[in-house]
């Protein structure tokens, strides 16, 4: 599972300058070829229409394939790559029970005070472990997450123990789904 962020949708479109060049060139050539028959006075009108339709079809075929390639590359670049979980720890509280927290790497989709879902990835599927909230974003970009609702105390103990092999299998997503809320409250 790759851990690096591949870039945003906009940057992938901007970076494909060759595709943009082909589209602009196609538009310019289309305009040029549509004007040539009109400029030649002895050119029959039926041939002008036929030539225009053929050139238009060729242009739209080329543009369709180029635009679909641009959007396909942008879609591939926008796939979600989860941030790496750096550390798990507990914060001691005097009044309430201890808070279990995660520290994750910087990621552009995580903002202050959003709810997140924490999953355990086991080579075949993801299992929802907890729902948390972004508590703080540090000056170095690292993100502190407090686990508000959790399912299994053994998983929390592994997080508090800062078990590196277990933490590598955690996936933090910047959202909670209706299904995860249902699982949480149906327990």
Protein backbone atom coordinates (compact mmCIF):
# COMPACT_ATOMS: atom_id res chain seq x y z
CA UNK A 1 0.00 0.00 0.00
CA UNK A 2 1.74 3.22 -1.13
CA UNK A 3 1.98 5.98 1.43
CA UNK A 4 2.89 9.08 -0.61
CA UNK A 5 0.32 11.64 -1.70
CA UNK A 6 0.08 11.72 -5.50
CA UNK A 7 -1.14 15.29 -5.96
CA UNK A 8 -4.38 17.07 -6.50
CA UNK A 9 -6.87 16.96 -9.35
CA UNK A 10 -5.90 20.46 -10.56
CA UNK A 11 -2.16 19.80 -10.56
CA UNK A 12 -2.61 16.65 -12.63
CA UNK A 13 -4.52 18.59 -15.29
CA UNK A 14 -2.02 21.45 -15.32
CA UNK A 15 0.90 19.03 -15.52
CA UNK A 16 -0.45 17.47 -18.69
CA UNK A 17 0.55 20.44 -20.86
CA UNK A 18 0.95 18.26 -23.94
CA UNK A 19 -2.75 17.33 -23.75
CA UNK A 20 -3.72 20.99 -23.43
CA UNK A 21 -1.47 21.86 -26.37
CA UNK A 22 -3.14 19.22 -28.55
CA UNK A 23 -6.61 20.51 -27.66
CA UNK A 24 -5.69 24.15 -28.39
CA UNK A 25 -3.97 23.14 -31.65
CA UNK A 26 -7.03 21.12 -32.63
CA UNK A 27 -9.31 24.11 -32.02
CA UNK A 28 -7.06 26.41 -34.06
CA UNK A 29 -6.84 23.95 -36.96
CA UNK A 30 -10.60 23.43 -36.87
CA UNK A 31 -11.17 27.16 -37.20
CA UNK A 32 -8.61 27.39 -40.00
CA UNK A 33 -10.10 24.51 -42.00
CA UNK A 34 -13.61 25.81 -41.59
CA UNK A 35 -12.59 29.21 -42.95
CA UNK A 36 -10.63 27.98 -46.03
CA UNK A 37 -13.66 26.84 -48.08
CA UNK A 38 -15.48 30.07 -47.25
CA UNK A 39 -12.53 32.15 -48.42
CA UNK A 40 -12.32 30.37 -51.79
CA UNK A 41 -15.16 31.83 -53.85
CA UNK A 42 -15.53 29.06 -56.47
CA UNK A 43 -15.88 26.29 -53.85
CA UNK A 44 -19.37 24.68 -54.04
CA UNK A 45 -21.48 25.03 -50.93
CA UNK A 46 -22.20 21.24 -50.68
CA UNK A 47 -18.49 20.44 -50.62
CA UNK A 48 -18.00 23.13 -47.98
CA UNK A 49 -20.61 21.49 -45.75
CA UNK A 50 -19.21 17.98 -46.36
CA UNK A 51 -15.63 19.09 -45.67
CA UNK A 52 -16.74 20.90 -42.54
CA UNK A 53 -18.59 17.84 -41.22
CA UNK A 54 -15.63 15.51 -41.83
CA UNK A 55 -13.17 17.89 -40.18
CA UNK A 56 -15.58 18.45 -37.29
CA UNK A 57 -15.94 14.69 -36.73
CA UNK A 58 -12.17 14.16 -36.81
CA UNK A 59 -11.69 17.06 -34.42
CA UNK A 60 -14.27 15.75 -31.92
CA UNK A 61 -12.80 12.24 -32.03
CA UNK A 62 -9.31 13.58 -31.23
CA UNK A 63 -10.61 15.95 -28.55
CA UNK A 64 -12.76 13.22 -26.97
CA UNK A 65 -9.79 10.87 -26.58
CA UNK A 66 -7.48 13.61 -25.31
CA UNK A 67 -10.02 14.96 -22.80
CA UNK A 68 -10.88 11.46 -21.58
CA UNK A 69 -7.16 10.78 -21.07
CA UNK A 70 -6.77 14.01 -19.08
CA UNK A 71 -9.72 13.13 -16.83
CA UNK A 72 -8.58 9.53 -16.42
CA UNK A 73 -5.11 10.69 -15.35
CA UNK A 74 -6.69 13.20 -12.96
CA UNK A 75 -8.90 10.48 -11.47
CA UNK A 76 -5.92 8.19 -10.93
CA UNK A 77 -4.00 11.02 -9.27
CA UNK A 78 -6.87 11.83 -6.93
CA UNK A 79 -7.10 8.37 -5.34
CA UNK A 80 -7.02 8.61 -1.57
CA UNK A 81 -3.69 7.68 -0.02
CA UNK A 82 -4.09 7.57 3.77
CA UNK A 83 -1.59 9.32 6.03
CA UNK A 84 0.87 7.25 8.05
CA UNK A 85 0.08 6.76 11.74
CA UNK A 86 3.18 7.95 13.58
CA UNK A 87 2.30 7.30 17.21
CA UNK A 88 -0.44 6.11 19.54
CA UNK A 89 -0.68 7.38 23.11
CA UNK A 90 -2.98 8.11 26.04
CA UNK A 91 -3.50 11.49 27.67
CA UNK A 92 -4.12 11.30 31.42
CA UNK A 93 -7.16 13.21 32.64
CA UNK A 94 -7.88 14.01 36.28
CA UNK A 95 -11.67 14.10 36.05
CA UNK A 96 -12.62 11.87 33.14
CA UNK A 97 -11.12 8.67 31.81
CA UNK A 98 -7.91 8.78 29.78
CA UNK A 99 -8.13 9.94 26.18
CA UNK A 100 -6.59 7.69 23.53
CA UNK A 101 -4.92 9.66 20.77
CA UNK A 102 -3.18 9.10 17.44
CA UNK A 103 -0.53 11.23 15.82
CA UNK A 104 -0.57 11.05 12.00
CA UNK A 105 1.47 12.60 9.22
CA UNK A 106 0.42 15.76 7.42
CA UNK A 107 -2.34 15.29 4.85
CA UNK A 108 -4.25 17.87 2.77
CA UNK A 109 -7.70 16.37 3.45
CA UNK A 110 -7.56 16.67 7.26
CA UNK A 111 -8.73 19.85 8.95
CA UNK A 112 -9.25 20.99 12.53
CA UNK A 113 -12.31 19.60 14.30
CA UNK A 114 -13.45 17.12 11.62
CA UNK A 115 -14.56 13.62 12.47
CA UNK A 116 -12.45 10.75 11.19
CA UNK A 117 -12.83 6.97 10.93
CA UNK A 118 -10.03 4.69 12.05
CA UNK A 119 -9.83 1.28 10.38
CA UNK A 120 -7.60 -1.73 10.88
CA UNK A 121 -6.45 -3.10 7.52
CA UNK A 122 -6.01 -6.85 7.50
CA UNK A 123 -4.61 -7.89 4.09
CA UNK A 124 -8.15 -8.51 2.81
CA UNK A 125 -10.52 -6.01 4.40
CA UNK A 126 -10.84 -2.95 6.61
CA UNK A 127 -12.50 -3.21 9.99
CA UNK A 128 -13.83 -0.09 11.69
CA UNK A 129 -12.08 0.39 15.04
CA UNK A 130 -13.04 3.86 16.19
CA UNK A 131 -14.38 7.26 15.34
CA UNK A 132 -12.28 10.21 16.34
CA UNK A 133 -11.89 13.93 15.90
CA UNK A 134 -8.97 16.09 14.78
CA UNK A 135 -7.96 17.78 18.01
CA UNK A 136 -4.96 19.76 16.81
CA UNK A 137 -2.74 20.32 13.79
CA UNK A 138 0.82 21.01 14.89
CA UNK A 139 3.13 23.60 13.33
CA UNK A 140 5.11 20.80 11.65
CA UNK A 141 1.90 19.53 10.00
CA UNK A 142 1.41 16.43 12.15
CA UNK A 143 -2.21 15.85 13.14
CA UNK A 144 -3.46 14.89 16.62
CA UNK A 145 -6.61 12.78 16.66
CA UNK A 146 -8.62 11.95 19.77
CA UNK A 147 -10.58 8.68 19.64
CA UNK A 148 -14.10 9.49 20.85
CA UNK A 149 -15.90 6.19 20.17
CA UNK A 150 -14.23 2.80 19.99
CA UNK A 151 -15.24 -0.84 19.70
CA UNK A 152 -12.56 -3.04 21.22
CA UNK A 153 -10.47 -2.30 24.31
CA UNK A 154 -7.69 -4.65 23.10
CA UNK A 155 -7.20 -2.47 20.02
CA UNK A 156 -6.95 0.60 22.25
CA UNK A 157 -4.31 -1.10 24.38
CA UNK A 158 -2.23 -1.80 21.25
CA UNK A 159 -2.55 1.86 20.24
CA UNK A 160 -1.56 3.08 23.73
CA UNK A 161 1.37 0.65 23.75
CA UNK A 162 2.51 2.30 20.50
CA UNK A 163 2.88 -1.08 18.79
CA UNK A 164 4.58 -0.16 15.49
CA UNK A 165 3.40 -3.21 13.53
CA UNK A 166 -0.19 -2.60 14.63
CA UNK A 167 -0.04 1.15 13.92
CA UNK A 168 1.20 0.46 10.36
CA UNK A 169 -2.04 -1.43 9.71
CA UNK A 170 -4.25 1.48 10.77
CA UNK A 171 -5.95 3.60 8.14
CA UNK A 172 -7.35 6.99 9.08
CA UNK A 173 -9.98 8.45 6.74
CA UNK A 174 -11.20 12.06 6.96
CA UNK A 175 -14.88 11.15 7.12
CA UNK A 176 -17.46 9.09 8.90
CA UNK A 177 -20.12 7.26 6.98
CA UNK A 178 -23.70 6.46 7.85
CA UNK A 179 -22.68 2.80 8.07
CA UNK A 180 -19.94 3.54 10.60
CA UNK A 181 -22.35 5.59 12.71
CA UNK A 182 -24.85 2.71 12.53
CA UNK A 183 -22.19 0.20 13.59
CA UNK A 184 -21.18 2.43 16.44
CA UNK A 185 -24.63 2.85 17.93
CA UNK A 186 -25.99 -0.63 17.13
CA UNK A 187 -23.43 -2.23 19.41
